Amino acid sequence: MVMRDKCVRTISPLRPTQIDGSSVGMKPTNCSDVILIPDEKSLFYDPIREMTSVFAFIKNPDGSDINEDYRTIAKKAMEQNNETKGSLFGIEPEAYVLDKSNLLLGINKKLSDIKQGEYYNSLEPIDTTFKIREKIVEKLLEAGFSVESHHSEVGPSQFEISWECSNLLDTCDKFMLYKYIAENICNQMGCEISFSPKKYEYFNGSGLHHHVSLPCFSIDKKYMMAFANGLIAHYDDLLAVCCVSDKSPARLIEGFEAPTKDNNAIGLYDRTKTIRIPYGENRIEYRLPDPSCLIYKFLPLMLKYGLEGIDKLNNAI
């Protein structure tokens, strides 16, 4: 199935492959056989290895589901809710770029001399990550991403790349693929990328803001607000799967455009709140998650709690 021409196609039908489930934390050693079922709908060109690749589902040898395979759970969440067909999900991963000495890339100032926000949407030479972002974007395009924008972020040598919204499962897959491509490109260019939620005490942390738009949001904004209220009501449960790093709590403090538990609320255009309602849009921005997010587990849970909020509204009518 190895390709060299960036054309995604299969030479032969994709076949299940057996692996050792105990080596990836899926099964005990005395019952370790699992099989990978390739998902042909997820075929993509891998620009790092220069070959066609694919995501897979993990099953028991008899073909039954494994509870620990959250990609299967994400697929079911996407398919089992008729009211969410046509829903769109989008993410905005932030990260810092460091040189091989673990220093901020191209930043010669003392950290104490850096002013808050002086690097946001800056131009070269202040923007030290432009060439790296360009190379990452080039490879993302080869992998099938529809990249919408990239820019320097508030922190020095911090940046964000965003791409077109998609369905729930594809959004999960693309996040994993993005991190894989970004880490490899940075390594090839002699630097490192850090997705740590809070790399530096005095600078903004790195978030993974989620945008959600359900078809009913455009029918009546009360459904959008009800969905958002469902998320607000389950702050702790969502936090447990979207901020799992030991650095996650350090990001969620006042003064750095990150929501604190005291600001677990809905805000119009307000980036200090857990949920922001962008001006003139039929979508919500959930600002709690960071790049340590267990995205295959988180998005189904977010969808579940949001729909509970809509159900609560409908039952009250």
Protein backbone atom coordinates (compact mmCIF):
# COMPACT_ATOMS: atom_id res chain seq x y z
CA MET A 1 0.00 0.00 0.00
CA VAL A 2 3.07 2.26 -0.10
CA MET A 3 2.66 5.19 -2.48
CA ARG A 4 5.07 7.83 -3.72
CA ASP A 5 2.83 10.07 -5.80
CA LYS A 6 0.63 11.62 -3.08
CA CYS A 7 -2.39 9.93 -4.67
CA VAL A 8 -4.62 8.20 -2.13
CA ARG A 9 -5.70 4.87 -3.49
CA THR A 10 -5.49 1.24 -2.44
CA ILE A 11 -3.58 -1.43 -4.30
CA SER A 12 -5.56 -4.24 -2.68
CA PRO A 13 -8.47 -4.47 -0.21
CA LEU A 14 -7.50 -3.43 3.30
CA ARG A 15 -7.42 -6.44 5.62
CA PRO A 16 -7.73 -6.72 9.41
CA THR A 17 -4.43 -7.03 11.26
CA GLN A 18 -3.85 -8.74 14.60
CA ILE A 19 -1.82 -6.92 17.25
CA ASP A 20 -0.84 -7.43 20.89
CA GLY A 21 -3.46 -5.53 22.88
CA SER A 22 -1.51 -5.81 26.14
CA SER A 23 1.37 -3.75 24.68
CA VAL A 24 -0.95 -0.79 24.01
CA GLY A 25 -2.88 -0.96 27.28
CA MET A 26 -6.02 -2.49 25.79
CA LYS A 27 -5.96 -6.01 27.21
CA PRO A 28 -4.32 -8.12 29.96
CA THR A 29 -1.37 -10.26 28.91
CA ASN A 30 -3.29 -13.51 29.33
CA CYS A 31 -5.97 -12.35 26.87
CA SER A 32 -4.13 -9.93 24.65
CA ASP A 33 -5.16 -10.56 21.03
CA VAL A 34 -7.03 -7.73 19.31
CA ILE A 35 -7.50 -6.86 15.66
CA LEU A 36 -7.25 -3.60 13.77
CA ILE A 37 -10.07 -3.00 11.29
CA PRO A 38 -8.92 -0.38 8.75
CA ASP A 39 -11.41 2.43 8.18
CA GLU A 40 -11.26 2.93 4.42
CA LYS A 41 -13.17 6.22 4.73
CA SER A 42 -10.20 7.66 6.62
CA LEU A 43 -7.56 7.01 3.95
CA PHE A 44 -5.06 9.85 3.70
CA TYR A 45 -1.64 10.59 2.27
CA ASP A 46 1.04 10.61 4.97
CA PRO A 47 3.49 13.36 3.91
CA ILE A 48 6.07 12.34 6.51
CA ARG A 49 6.46 8.71 5.47
CA GLU A 50 5.37 9.46 1.88
CA MET A 51 2.78 6.73 1.77
CA THR A 52 -0.94 6.20 2.02
CA SER A 53 -2.13 5.50 5.54
CA VAL A 54 -5.40 4.89 7.32
CA PHE A 55 -7.02 5.06 10.74
CA ALA A 56 -8.48 1.91 12.23
CA PHE A 57 -10.98 0.55 14.74
CA ILE A 58 -9.83 -1.89 17.42
CA LYS A 59 -11.95 -5.01 17.93
CA ASN A 60 -11.90 -8.30 19.77
CA PRO A 61 -10.90 -11.31 17.64
CA ASP A 62 -14.59 -12.19 17.24
CA GLY A 63 -15.27 -8.71 15.82
CA SER A 64 -17.04 -7.35 18.89
CA ASP A 65 -16.30 -3.87 20.18
CA ILE A 66 -13.69 -3.06 22.81
CA ASN A 67 -14.82 -0.54 25.42
CA GLU A 68 -11.41 1.13 25.45
CA ASP A 69 -11.51 1.95 21.72
CA TYR A 70 -12.74 5.52 21.87
CA ARG A 71 -12.58 5.93 18.10
CA THR A 72 -15.43 3.42 17.85
CA ILE A 73 -17.29 5.36 20.55
CA ALA A 74 -16.77 8.59 18.60
CA LYS A 75 -18.12 6.99 15.43
CA LYS A 76 -21.23 5.74 17.23
CA ALA A 77 -21.83 9.15 18.81
CA MET A 78 -21.68 10.71 15.36
CA GLU A 79 -24.05 8.20 13.77
CA GLN A 80 -26.59 7.48 16.51
CA ASN A 81 -27.94 10.98 17.00
CA ASN A 82 -30.28 11.84 14.14
CA GLU A 83 -30.72 15.40 15.39
CA THR A 84 -26.96 16.01 15.04
CA LYS A 85 -26.56 14.93 11.42
CA GLY A 86 -24.85 17.74 9.60
CA SER A 87 -23.21 19.00 12.80
CA LEU A 88 -19.82 20.64 12.41
CA PHE A 89 -16.88 20.61 14.81
CA GLY A 90 -13.74 22.69 14.61
CA ILE A 91 -10.64 23.01 16.76
CA GLU A 92 -7.87 25.58 17.27
CA PRO A 93 -4.71 23.92 18.64
CA GLU A 94 -2.06 26.25 20.08
CA ALA A 95 1.59 25.36 20.70
CA TYR A 96 5.03 26.79 21.41
CA VAL A 97 8.14 26.17 19.30
CA LEU A 98 11.46 25.68 21.08
CA ASP A 99 15.01 25.23 19.86
CA LYS A 100 16.98 22.12 20.73
CA SER A 101 18.18 23.76 23.93
CA ASN A 102 14.55 24.02 25.07
CA LEU A 103 14.60 27.80 24.63
CA LEU A 104 11.95 29.89 22.88
CA LEU A 105 12.74 29.87 19.17
CA GLY A 106 14.47 33.05 18.02
CA ILE A 107 13.63 35.00 21.18
CA ASN A 108 16.70 36.88 22.44
CA LYS A 109 14.97 38.97 25.09
CA LYS A 110 14.86 38.12 28.75
CA LEU A 111 11.50 36.55 29.48
CA SER A 112 10.86 39.25 32.08
CA ASP A 113 11.23 41.94 29.38
CA ILE A 114 8.56 40.51 27.08
CA LYS A 115 5.30 42.42 27.04
CA GLN A 116 2.01 40.54 27.11
CA GLY A 117 0.58 40.27 23.58
CA GLU A 118 3.46 41.83 21.63
CA TYR A 119 3.80 38.70 19.48
CA TYR A 120 0.14 38.20 18.55
CA ASN A 121 -0.40 38.25 14.77
CA SER A 122 3.05 39.79 14.35
CA LEU A 123 5.23 39.84 11.23
CA GLU A 124 8.79 38.66 10.74
CA PRO A 125 11.29 39.06 12.32
CA ILE A 126 9.15 39.36 15.47
CA ASP A 127 7.19 36.35 14.25
CA THR A 128 9.83 33.62 14.65
CA THR A 129 7.62 30.68 13.66
CA PHE A 130 6.43 31.79 10.21
CA LYS A 131 8.68 29.50 8.13
CA ILE A 132 7.89 26.55 10.38
CA ARG A 133 4.16 27.18 10.09
CA GLU A 134 4.46 27.45 6.32
CA LYS A 135 6.14 24.04 6.15
CA ILE A 136 3.59 22.45 8.49
CA VAL A 137 0.75 23.91 6.41
CA GLU A 138 2.35 22.59 3.21
CA LYS A 139 2.35 19.06 4.63
CA LEU A 140 -1.16 19.43 6.07
CA LEU A 141 -2.43 20.33 2.60
CA GLU A 142 -0.74 17.24 1.18
CA ALA A 143 -2.51 15.17 3.85
CA GLY A 144 -5.91 16.51 2.77
CA PHE A 145 -6.49 19.33 5.28
CA SER A 146 -8.38 22.43 4.18
CA VAL A 147 -6.27 24.90 6.14
CA GLU A 148 -8.06 28.17 6.86
CA SER A 149 -5.42 30.22 8.68
CA HIS A 150 -2.20 30.25 10.64
CA HIS A 151 -0.72 33.02 12.78
CA SER A 152 1.57 33.79 15.68
CA GLU A 153 -0.16 33.74 19.04
CA VAL A 154 0.04 35.89 22.17
CA GLY A 155 3.05 34.09 23.66
CA PRO A 156 6.55 34.43 22.16
CA SER A 157 7.15 31.69 19.55
CA GLN A 158 3.59 30.46 20.13
CA PHE A 159 1.32 29.83 17.16
CA GLU A 160 -2.01 28.46 15.99
CA ILE A 161 -3.07 26.67 12.81
CA SER A 162 -6.74 26.06 12.08
CA TRP A 163 -8.55 24.16 9.36
CA GLU A 164 -12.05 23.67 8.04
CA CYS A 165 -14.75 22.30 10.35
CA SER A 166 -15.88 18.73 9.78
CA ASN A 167 -17.87 15.91 11.35
CA LEU A 168 -17.08 14.58 14.81
CA LEU A 169 -14.91 11.60 13.85
CA ASP A 170 -12.93 13.42 11.18
CA THR A 171 -12.23 16.24 13.63
CA CYS A 172 -10.76 13.73 16.10
CA ASP A 173 -8.64 12.06 13.41
CA LYS A 174 -7.31 15.33 12.06
CA PHE A 175 -6.22 16.50 15.51
CA MET A 176 -4.11 13.38 15.94
CA LEU A 177 -2.74 13.69 12.42
CA TYR A 178 -1.97 17.38 12.91
CA LYS A 179 0.11 16.70 16.03
CA TYR A 180 1.99 13.93 14.23
CA ILE A 181 2.83 16.14 11.25
CA ALA A 182 3.71 19.22 13.33
CA GLU A 183 6.03 17.27 15.64
CA ASN A 184 7.86 15.67 12.72
CA ILE A 185 8.24 18.90 10.73
CA CYS A 186 9.62 20.73 13.75
CA ASN A 187 12.08 17.92 14.34
CA GLN A 188 13.19 18.02 10.69
CA MET A 189 13.74 21.80 10.98
CA GLY A 190 15.92 21.47 14.08
CA CYS A 191 13.40 22.52 16.70
CA GLU A 192 10.71 21.08 18.93
CA ILE A 193 7.02 21.77 19.39
CA SER A 194 5.42 21.85 22.82
CA PHE A 195 1.71 21.21 23.26
CA SER A 196 2.03 21.66 27.02
CA PRO A 197 -1.04 23.49 28.39
CA LYS A 198 1.22 25.81 30.41
CA LYS A 199 4.81 25.90 29.23
CA TYR A 200 5.70 29.25 30.84
CA GLU A 201 4.37 30.77 34.03
CA TYR A 202 4.18 34.36 32.78
CA PHE A 203 2.81 33.73 29.27
CA ASN A 204 -0.49 32.44 27.91
CA GLY A 205 -0.96 28.71 28.03
CA SER A 206 -1.86 26.67 24.95
CA GLY A 207 -5.51 25.82 24.48
CA LEU A 208 -7.53 23.64 22.15
CA HIS A 209 -10.70 25.65 21.69
CA HIS A 210 -13.61 23.71 20.23
CA HIS A 211 -16.24 25.18 17.93
CA VAL A 212 -19.60 23.41 17.60
CA SER A 213 -22.50 24.08 15.28
CA LEU A 214 -25.63 21.91 15.20
CA PRO A 215 -28.31 22.34 12.50
CA CYS A 216 -30.84 23.42 15.13
CA PHE A 217 -28.67 26.39 16.13
CA SER A 218 -29.61 28.18 12.91
CA ILE A 219 -33.33 27.46 13.48
CA ASP A 220 -33.48 29.17 16.86
CA LYS A 221 -30.64 30.46 19.04
CA LYS A 222 -32.43 29.13 22.12
CA TYR A 223 -31.15 25.66 21.13
CA MET A 224 -27.60 26.96 20.96
CA MET A 225 -27.93 28.47 24.43
CA ALA A 226 -29.51 25.27 25.76
CA PHE A 227 -26.64 23.21 24.34
CA ALA A 228 -24.17 25.58 25.99
CA ASN A 229 -26.01 25.36 29.32
CA GLY A 230 -25.70 21.58 29.15
CA LEU A 231 -21.92 21.95 28.99
CA ILE A 232 -21.85 24.49 31.81
CA ALA A 233 -23.74 22.05 34.03
CA HIS A 234 -21.12 19.33 33.54
CA TYR A 235 -17.91 21.36 33.94
CA ASP A 236 -16.10 18.83 36.13
CA ASP A 237 -16.90 15.78 33.98
CA LEU A 238 -15.72 17.55 30.82
CA LEU A 239 -12.63 18.95 32.54
CA ALA A 240 -11.58 15.40 33.47
CA VAL A 241 -11.19 14.39 29.81
CA CYS A 242 -10.25 17.65 28.07
CA CYS A 243 -7.53 18.88 30.46
CA VAL A 244 -5.65 15.77 31.55
CA SER A 245 -2.06 17.07 31.78
CA ASP A 246 -0.49 17.83 35.15
CA LYS A 247 0.11 21.30 33.63
CA SER A 248 -3.57 21.82 32.79
CA PRO A 249 -4.59 23.50 36.09
CA ALA A 250 -1.80 26.08 35.71
CA ARG A 251 -3.35 27.28 32.43
CA LEU A 252 -6.80 27.89 33.94
CA ILE A 253 -5.95 31.04 35.88
CA GLU A 254 -6.98 34.68 35.63
CA GLY A 255 -5.23 37.06 33.25
CA PHE A 256 -4.26 34.73 30.41
CA GLU A 257 -7.44 34.45 28.28
CA ALA A 258 -8.25 31.07 29.86
CA PRO A 259 -11.50 30.23 31.68
CA THR A 260 -11.39 29.58 35.40
CA LYS A 261 -14.05 27.63 37.24
CA ASP A 262 -15.34 30.93 38.63
CA ASN A 263 -15.90 31.98 35.01
CA ASN A 264 -17.78 28.80 34.07
CA ALA A 265 -20.42 30.71 32.17
CA ILE A 266 -21.55 31.79 28.71
CA GLY A 267 -20.20 35.07 27.40
CA LEU A 268 -21.01 37.02 24.27
CA TYR A 269 -17.63 37.66 22.62
CA ASP A 270 -15.99 37.09 26.05
CA ARG A 271 -12.73 35.11 26.01
CA THR A 272 -12.56 34.82 29.79
CA LYS A 273 -15.64 32.58 29.94
CA THR A 274 -15.82 28.81 29.43
CA ILE A 275 -18.12 29.35 26.45
CA ARG A 276 -17.88 32.24 24.01
CA ILE A 277 -20.64 33.06 21.55
CA PRO A 278 -18.89 34.63 18.53
CA TYR A 279 -20.54 37.74 17.12
CA GLY A 280 -23.13 36.96 14.46
CA GLU A 281 -22.41 33.22 14.39
CA ASN A 282 -24.61 30.14 14.90
CA ARG A 283 -21.96 28.30 16.85
CA ILE A 284 -20.38 28.15 20.28
CA GLU A 285 -16.71 28.17 21.20
CA TYR A 286 -15.88 25.91 24.14
CA ARG A 287 -12.63 27.31 25.56
CA LEU A 288 -11.90 24.87 28.39
CA PRO A 289 -9.91 22.14 26.53
CA ASP A 290 -6.16 22.12 26.02
CA PRO A 291 -3.98 19.95 23.72
CA SER A 292 -3.82 17.14 26.30
CA CYS A 293 -7.51 16.57 25.53
CA LEU A 294 -8.59 12.94 25.01
CA ILE A 295 -10.46 14.06 21.96
CA TYR A 296 -12.09 10.76 20.91
CA LYS A 297 -13.55 10.54 24.41
CA PHE A 298 -14.23 14.25 24.87
CA LEU A 299 -16.25 15.11 21.76
CA PRO A 300 -18.87 12.35 22.30
CA LEU A 301 -19.17 13.45 25.93
CA MET A 302 -19.52 17.11 24.95
CA LEU A 303 -22.18 16.17 22.42
CA LYS A 304 -24.04 14.09 25.03
CA TYR A 305 -24.14 16.86 27.63
CA GLY A 306 -25.03 19.51 25.06
CA LEU A 307 -27.96 17.41 23.83
CA GLU A 308 -29.07 16.91 27.43
CA GLY A 309 -29.29 20.69 27.67
CA ILE A 310 -31.50 20.79 24.55
CA ASP A 311 -33.67 17.95 25.90
CA LYS A 312 -34.12 19.85 29.14
CA LEU A 313 -35.30 22.87 27.16
CA ASN A 314 -37.73 20.81 25.08
CA ASN A 315 -39.16 19.09 28.15
CA ALA A 316 -39.81 22.46 29.74
CA ILE A 317 -41.81 23.73 26.76
